[in-house]
Amino acid sequence: MIRNFGEAIKFRYIDVNSDEIKEYPDVAKILHKVRLPLTVIDGKPRFHGGFSFGMIAGEIQKILKE
């Protein structure tokens, strides 16, 4: 991702079973409705139950064009 988008993106892995999830209350609220892994981009849940580089890259490209 960094090779494709450089400094335009930052990413982070959050263990939903850790206290760190408290920093993301909107995500914590929906965890019972989704399958992990959950991909959140710009604070919005985008994919759950699996993901691919292409899916995420496509979504990032759309956002960067806005």
PDB file of N, CA and C in Angstrom:
ATOM      1  N   MET A   1       0.822  -1.188   0.000  1.00  0.00           N
ATOM      2  CA  MET A   1       0.000   0.000   0.000  1.00  0.00           C
ATOM      3  C   MET A   1       0.870   1.258   0.000  1.00  0.00           C
ATOM      4  N   ILE A   2       1.887   1.258   0.846  1.00  0.00           N
ATOM      5  CA  ILE A   2       2.757   2.433   0.926  1.00  0.00           C
ATOM      6  C   ILE A   2       3.433   2.679  -0.419  1.00  0.00           C
ATOM      7  N   ARG A   3       3.856   1.601  -1.091  1.00  0.00           N
ATOM      8  CA  ARG A   3       4.493   1.764  -2.404  1.00  0.00           C
ATOM      9  C   ARG A   3       3.542   2.412  -3.405  1.00  0.00           C
ATOM     10  N   ASN A   4       2.276   2.070  -3.333  1.00  0.00           N
ATOM     11  CA  ASN A   4       1.308   2.613  -4.290  1.00  0.00           C
ATOM     12  C   ASN A   4       0.820   4.005  -3.933  1.00  0.00           C
ATOM     13  N   PHE A   5       0.656   4.281  -2.648  1.00  0.00           N
ATOM     14  CA  PHE A   5       0.011   5.530  -2.240  1.00  0.00           C
ATOM     15  C   PHE A   5       0.909   6.465  -1.436  1.00  0.00           C
ATOM     16  N   GLY A   6       2.078   5.997  -1.053  1.00  0.00           N
ATOM     17  CA  GLY A   6       3.020   6.840  -0.329  1.00  0.00           C
ATOM     18  C   GLY A   6       2.448   7.397   0.960  1.00  0.00           C
ATOM     19  N   GLU A   7       2.738   8.657   1.189  1.00  0.00           N
ATOM     20  CA  GLU A   7       2.318   9.300   2.432  1.00  0.00           C
ATOM     21  C   GLU A   7       0.848   9.710   2.431  1.00  0.00           C
ATOM     22  N   ALA A   8       0.135   9.420   1.354  1.00  0.00           N
ATOM     23  CA  ALA A   8      -1.291   9.753   1.295  1.00  0.00           C
ATOM     24  C   ALA A   8      -2.105   8.872   2.226  1.00  0.00           C
ATOM     25  N   ILE A   9      -1.509   7.768   2.684  1.00  0.00           N
ATOM     26  CA  ILE A   9      -2.241   6.858   3.570  1.00  0.00           C
ATOM     27  C   ILE A   9      -1.438   6.532   4.815  1.00  0.00           C
ATOM     28  N   LYS A  10      -2.158   6.146   5.826  1.00  0.00           N
ATOM     29  CA  LYS A  10      -1.588   5.574   7.047  1.00  0.00           C
ATOM     30  C   LYS A  10      -2.479   4.401   7.384  1.00  0.00           C
ATOM     31  N   PHE A  11      -1.907   3.338   7.884  1.00  0.00           N
ATOM     32  CA  PHE A  11      -2.747   2.214   8.263  1.00  0.00           C
ATOM     33  C   PHE A  11      -2.337   1.696   9.621  1.00  0.00           C
ATOM     34  N   ARG A  12      -3.272   0.999  10.232  1.00  0.00           N
ATOM     35  CA  ARG A  12      -3.063   0.537  11.599  1.00  0.00           C
ATOM     36  C   ARG A  12      -3.863  -0.736  11.826  1.00  0.00           C
ATOM     37  N   TYR A  13      -3.264  -1.680  12.521  1.00  0.00           N
ATOM     38  CA  TYR A  13      -3.949  -2.906  12.923  1.00  0.00           C
ATOM     39  C   TYR A  13      -4.436  -2.715  14.350  1.00  0.00           C
ATOM     40  N   ILE A  14      -5.700  -2.997  14.597  1.00  0.00           N
ATOM     41  CA  ILE A  14      -6.271  -2.892  15.940  1.00  0.00           C
ATOM     42  C   ILE A  14      -6.779  -4.261  16.356  1.00  0.00           C
ATOM     43  N   ASP A  15      -6.324  -4.733  17.492  1.00  0.00           N
ATOM     44  CA  ASP A  15      -6.835  -5.981  18.065  1.00  0.00           C
ATOM     45  C   ASP A  15      -8.151  -5.642  18.755  1.00  0.00           C
ATOM     46  N   VAL A  16      -9.254  -6.137  18.212  1.00  0.00           N
ATOM     47  CA  VAL A  16     -10.568  -5.776  18.756  1.00  0.00           C
ATOM     48  C   VAL A  16     -10.806  -6.347  20.146  1.00  0.00           C
ATOM     49  N   ASN A  17      -9.943  -7.236  20.585  1.00  0.00           N
ATOM     50  CA  ASN A  17     -10.056  -7.793  21.937  1.00  0.00           C
ATOM     51  C   ASN A  17      -9.192  -7.042  22.944  1.00  0.00           C
ATOM     52  N   SER A  18      -8.572  -5.963  22.511  1.00  0.00           N
ATOM     53  CA  SER A  18      -7.727  -5.179  23.410  1.00  0.00           C
ATOM     54  C   SER A  18      -8.443  -3.886  23.802  1.00  0.00           C
ATOM     55  N   ASP A  19      -7.899  -3.204  24.781  1.00  0.00           N
ATOM     56  CA  ASP A  19      -8.465  -1.921  25.215  1.00  0.00           C
ATOM     57  C   ASP A  19      -8.366  -0.857  24.125  1.00  0.00           C
ATOM     58  N   GLU A  20      -7.507  -1.078  23.162  1.00  0.00           N
ATOM     59  CA  GLU A  20      -7.321  -0.112  22.080  1.00  0.00           C
ATOM     60  C   GLU A  20      -8.620   0.139  21.296  1.00  0.00           C
ATOM     61  N   ILE A  21      -9.505  -0.833  21.252  1.00  0.00           N
ATOM     62  CA  ILE A  21     -10.770  -0.677  20.523  1.00  0.00           C
ATOM     63  C   ILE A  21     -11.625   0.440  21.127  1.00  0.00           C
ATOM     64  N   LYS A  22     -11.378   0.777  22.384  1.00  0.00           N
ATOM     65  CA  LYS A  22     -12.125   1.868  23.030  1.00  0.00           C
ATOM     66  C   LYS A  22     -11.885   3.213  22.347  1.00  0.00           C
ATOM     67  N   GLU A  23     -10.783   3.316  21.615  1.00  0.00           N
ATOM     68  CA  GLU A  23     -10.482   4.541  20.875  1.00  0.00           C
ATOM     69  C   GLU A  23     -11.362   4.679  19.629  1.00  0.00           C
ATOM     70  N   TYR A  24     -12.105   3.629  19.314  1.00  0.00           N
ATOM     71  CA  TYR A  24     -12.937   3.593  18.108  1.00  0.00           C
ATOM     72  C   TYR A  24     -14.357   3.170  18.475  1.00  0.00           C
ATOM     73  N   PRO A  25     -15.083   4.004  19.215  1.00  0.00           N
ATOM     74  CA  PRO A  25     -16.407   3.601  19.713  1.00  0.00           C
ATOM     75  C   PRO A  25     -17.407   3.259  18.609  1.00  0.00           C
ATOM     76  N   ASP A  26     -17.343   3.949  17.479  1.00  0.00           N
ATOM     77  CA  ASP A  26     -18.275   3.642  16.385  1.00  0.00           C
ATOM     78  C   ASP A  26     -18.023   2.252  15.817  1.00  0.00           C
ATOM     79  N   VAL A  27     -16.777   1.857  15.763  1.00  0.00           N
ATOM     80  CA  VAL A  27     -16.426   0.519  15.284  1.00  0.00           C
ATOM     81  C   VAL A  27     -16.825  -0.516  16.327  1.00  0.00           C
ATOM     82  N   ALA A  28     -16.544  -0.230  17.585  1.00  0.00           N
ATOM     83  CA  ALA A  28     -16.880  -1.174  18.663  1.00  0.00           C
ATOM     84  C   ALA A  28     -18.374  -1.488  18.671  1.00  0.00           C
ATOM     85  N   LYS A  29     -19.205  -0.494  18.344  1.00  0.00           N
ATOM     86  CA  LYS A  29     -20.664  -0.682  18.345  1.00  0.00           C
ATOM     87  C   LYS A  29     -21.142  -1.692  17.308  1.00  0.00           C
ATOM     88  N   ILE A  30     -20.417  -1.817  16.206  1.00  0.00           N
ATOM     89  CA  ILE A  30     -20.896  -2.691  15.126  1.00  0.00           C
ATOM     90  C   ILE A  30     -20.215  -4.053  15.093  1.00  0.00           C
ATOM     91  N   LEU A  31     -19.267  -4.292  15.977  1.00  0.00           N
ATOM     92  CA  LEU A  31     -18.517  -5.551  15.924  1.00  0.00           C
ATOM     93  C   LEU A  31     -19.410  -6.783  15.991  1.00  0.00           C
ATOM     94  N   HIS A  32     -20.511  -6.697  16.703  1.00  0.00           N
ATOM     95  CA  HIS A  32     -21.405  -7.858  16.815  1.00  0.00           C
ATOM     96  C   HIS A  32     -22.174  -8.122  15.516  1.00  0.00           C
ATOM     97  N   LYS A  33     -22.131  -7.178  14.565  1.00  0.00           N
ATOM     98  CA  LYS A  33     -22.863  -7.315  13.304  1.00  0.00           C
ATOM     99  C   LYS A  33     -21.987  -7.755  12.130  1.00  0.00           C
ATOM    100  N   VAL A  34     -20.676  -7.743  12.312  1.00  0.00           N
ATOM    101  CA  VAL A  34     -19.766  -8.013  11.193  1.00  0.00           C
ATOM    102  C   VAL A  34     -18.877  -9.214  11.470  1.00  0.00           C
ATOM    103  N   ARG A  35     -18.286  -9.717  10.393  1.00  0.00           N
ATOM    104  CA  ARG A  35     -17.286 -10.777  10.514  1.00  0.00           C
ATOM    105  C   ARG A  35     -15.907 -10.140  10.402  1.00  0.00           C
ATOM    106  N   LEU A  36     -14.991 -10.613  11.192  1.00  0.00           N
ATOM    107  CA  LEU A  36     -13.623 -10.110  11.122  1.00  0.00           C
ATOM    108  C   LEU A  36     -12.874 -10.841  10.020  1.00  0.00           C
ATOM    109  N   PRO A  37     -11.903 -10.221   9.417  1.00  0.00           N
ATOM    110  CA  PRO A  37     -11.387  -8.886   9.694  1.00  0.00           C
ATOM    111  C   PRO A  37     -12.324  -7.801   9.160  1.00  0.00           C
ATOM    112  N   LEU A  38     -12.262  -6.685   9.815  1.00  0.00           N
ATOM    113  CA  LEU A  38     -13.049  -5.520   9.434  1.00  0.00           C
ATOM    114  C   LEU A  38     -12.079  -4.456   8.935  1.00  0.00           C
ATOM    115  N   THR A  39     -12.329  -3.952   7.747  1.00  0.00           N
ATOM    116  CA  THR A  39     -11.495  -2.895   7.183  1.00  0.00           C
ATOM    117  C   THR A  39     -12.255  -1.584   7.280  1.00  0.00           C
ATOM    118  N   VAL A  40     -11.634  -0.613   7.939  1.00  0.00           N
ATOM    119  CA  VAL A  40     -12.228   0.712   8.116  1.00  0.00           C
ATOM    120  C   VAL A  40     -11.337   1.701   7.380  1.00  0.00           C
ATOM    121  N   ILE A  41     -11.936   2.508   6.519  1.00  0.00           N
ATOM    122  CA  ILE A  41     -11.190   3.506   5.763  1.00  0.00           C
ATOM    123  C   ILE A  41     -11.850   4.854   5.999  1.00  0.00           C
ATOM    124  N   ASP A  42     -11.053   5.826   6.391  1.00  0.00           N
ATOM    125  CA  ASP A  42     -11.570   7.166   6.724  1.00  0.00           C
ATOM    126  C   ASP A  42     -12.663   7.100   7.775  1.00  0.00           C
ATOM    127  N   GLY A  43     -12.513   6.196   8.730  1.00  0.00           N
ATOM    128  CA  GLY A  43     -13.467   6.086   9.828  1.00  0.00           C
ATOM    129  C   GLY A  43     -14.746   5.345   9.496  1.00  0.00           C
ATOM    130  N   LYS A  44     -14.871   4.861   8.252  1.00  0.00           N
ATOM    131  CA  LYS A  44     -16.089   4.163   7.830  1.00  0.00           C
ATOM    132  C   LYS A  44     -15.789   2.696   7.545  1.00  0.00           C
ATOM    133  N   PRO A  45     -16.567   1.788   8.106  1.00  0.00           N
ATOM    134  CA  PRO A  45     -16.390   0.368   7.785  1.00  0.00           C
ATOM    135  C   PRO A  45     -16.633   0.151   6.287  1.00  0.00           C
ATOM    136  N   ARG A  46     -15.693  -0.517   5.629  1.00  0.00           N
ATOM    137  CA  ARG A  46     -15.811  -0.721   4.179  1.00  0.00           C
ATOM    138  C   ARG A  46     -15.971  -2.193   3.815  1.00  0.00           C
ATOM    139  N   PHE A  47     -15.179  -3.071   4.443  1.00  0.00           N
ATOM    140  CA  PHE A  47     -15.207  -4.495   4.118  1.00  0.00           C
ATOM    141  C   PHE A  47     -15.162  -5.299   5.405  1.00  0.00           C
ATOM    142  N   HIS A  48     -15.824  -6.449   5.412  1.00  0.00           N
ATOM    143  CA  HIS A  48     -15.703  -7.338   6.567  1.00  0.00           C
ATOM    144  C   HIS A  48     -15.734  -8.778   6.093  1.00  0.00           C
ATOM    145  N   GLY A  49     -15.133  -9.650   6.881  1.00  0.00           N
ATOM    146  CA  GLY A  49     -15.109 -11.068   6.555  1.00  0.00           C
ATOM    147  C   GLY A  49     -13.996 -11.465   5.613  1.00  0.00           C
ATOM    148  N   GLY A  50     -13.215 -10.528   5.185  1.00  0.00           N
ATOM    149  CA  GLY A  50     -12.108 -10.788   4.275  1.00  0.00           C
ATOM    150  C   GLY A  50     -11.817  -9.541   3.469  1.00  0.00           C
ATOM    151  N   PHE A  51     -10.672  -9.521   2.862  1.00  0.00           N
ATOM    152  CA  PHE A  51     -10.294  -8.377   2.050  1.00  0.00           C
ATOM    153  C   PHE A  51      -9.156  -8.785   1.137  1.00  0.00           C
ATOM    154  N   SER A  52      -8.913  -7.958   0.157  1.00  0.00           N
ATOM    155  CA  SER A  52      -7.766  -8.160  -0.720  1.00  0.00           C
ATOM    156  C   SER A  52      -7.105  -6.806  -0.942  1.00  0.00           C
ATOM    157  N   PHE A  53      -5.873  -6.864  -1.365  1.00  0.00           N
ATOM    158  CA  PHE A  53      -5.150  -5.636  -1.675  1.00  0.00           C
ATOM    159  C   PHE A  53      -5.923  -4.835  -2.721  1.00  0.00           C
ATOM    160  N   GLY A  54      -6.422  -5.522  -3.743  1.00  0.00           N
ATOM    161  CA  GLY A  54      -7.147  -4.842  -4.817  1.00  0.00           C
ATOM    162  C   GLY A  54      -8.393  -4.127  -4.332  1.00  0.00           C
ATOM    163  N   MET A  55      -9.142  -4.757  -3.442  1.00  0.00           N
ATOM    164  CA  MET A  55     -10.356  -4.136  -2.903  1.00  0.00           C
ATOM    165  C   MET A  55     -10.014  -2.859  -2.150  1.00  0.00           C
ATOM    166  N   ILE A  56      -9.024  -2.962  -1.291  1.00  0.00           N
ATOM    167  CA  ILE A  56      -8.644  -1.803  -0.480  1.00  0.00           C
ATOM    168  C   ILE A  56      -8.045  -0.713  -1.360  1.00  0.00           C
ATOM    169  N   ALA A  57      -7.159  -1.091  -2.277  1.00  0.00           N
ATOM    170  CA  ALA A  57      -6.530  -0.113  -3.170  1.00  0.00           C
ATOM    171  C   ALA A  57      -7.583   0.606  -4.007  1.00  0.00           C
ATOM    172  N   GLY A  58      -8.563  -0.124  -4.506  1.00  0.00           N
ATOM    173  CA  GLY A  58      -9.627   0.490  -5.296  1.00  0.00           C
ATOM    174  C   GLY A  58     -10.415   1.510  -4.498  1.00  0.00           C
ATOM    175  N   GLU A  59     -10.714   1.166  -3.266  1.00  0.00           N
ATOM    176  CA  GLU A  59     -11.465   2.088  -2.401  1.00  0.00           C
ATOM    177  C   GLU A  59     -10.636   3.327  -2.081  1.00  0.00           C
ATOM    178  N   ILE A  60      -9.357   3.147  -1.821  1.00  0.00           N
ATOM    179  CA  ILE A  60      -8.477   4.288  -1.540  1.00  0.00           C
ATOM    180  C   ILE A  60      -8.374   5.184  -2.766  1.00  0.00           C
ATOM    181  N   GLN A  61      -8.245   4.591  -3.942  1.00  0.00           N
ATOM    182  CA  GLN A  61      -8.175   5.394  -5.169  1.00  0.00           C
ATOM    183  C   GLN A  61      -9.431   6.242  -5.343  1.00  0.00           C
ATOM    184  N   LYS A  62     -10.596   5.664  -5.079  1.00  0.00           N
ATOM    185  CA  LYS A  62     -11.850   6.425  -5.181  1.00  0.00           C
ATOM    186  C   LYS A  62     -11.836   7.619  -4.233  1.00  0.00           C
ATOM    187  N   ILE A  63     -11.410   7.380  -2.997  1.00  0.00           N
ATOM    188  CA  ILE A  63     -11.400   8.440  -1.987  1.00  0.00           C
ATOM    189  C   ILE A  63     -10.416   9.540  -2.365  1.00  0.00           C
ATOM    190  N   LEU A  64      -9.243   9.163  -2.838  1.00  0.00           N
ATOM    191  CA  LEU A  64      -8.230  10.157  -3.193  1.00  0.00           C
ATOM    192  C   LEU A  64      -8.654  11.005  -4.391  1.00  0.00           C
ATOM    193  N   LYS A  65      -9.513  10.477  -5.238  1.00  0.00           N
ATOM    194  CA  LYS A  65      -9.992  11.232  -6.406  1.00  0.00           C
ATOM    195  C   LYS A  65     -11.084  12.228  -6.040  1.00  0.00           C
ATOM    196  N   GLU A  66     -11.716  12.044  -4.875  1.00  0.00           N
ATOM    197  CA  GLU A  66     -12.812  12.943  -4.464  1.00  0.00           C
ATOM    198  C   GLU A  66     -12.302  14.323  -4.156  1.00  0.00           C
TER     199      GLU A  66
END
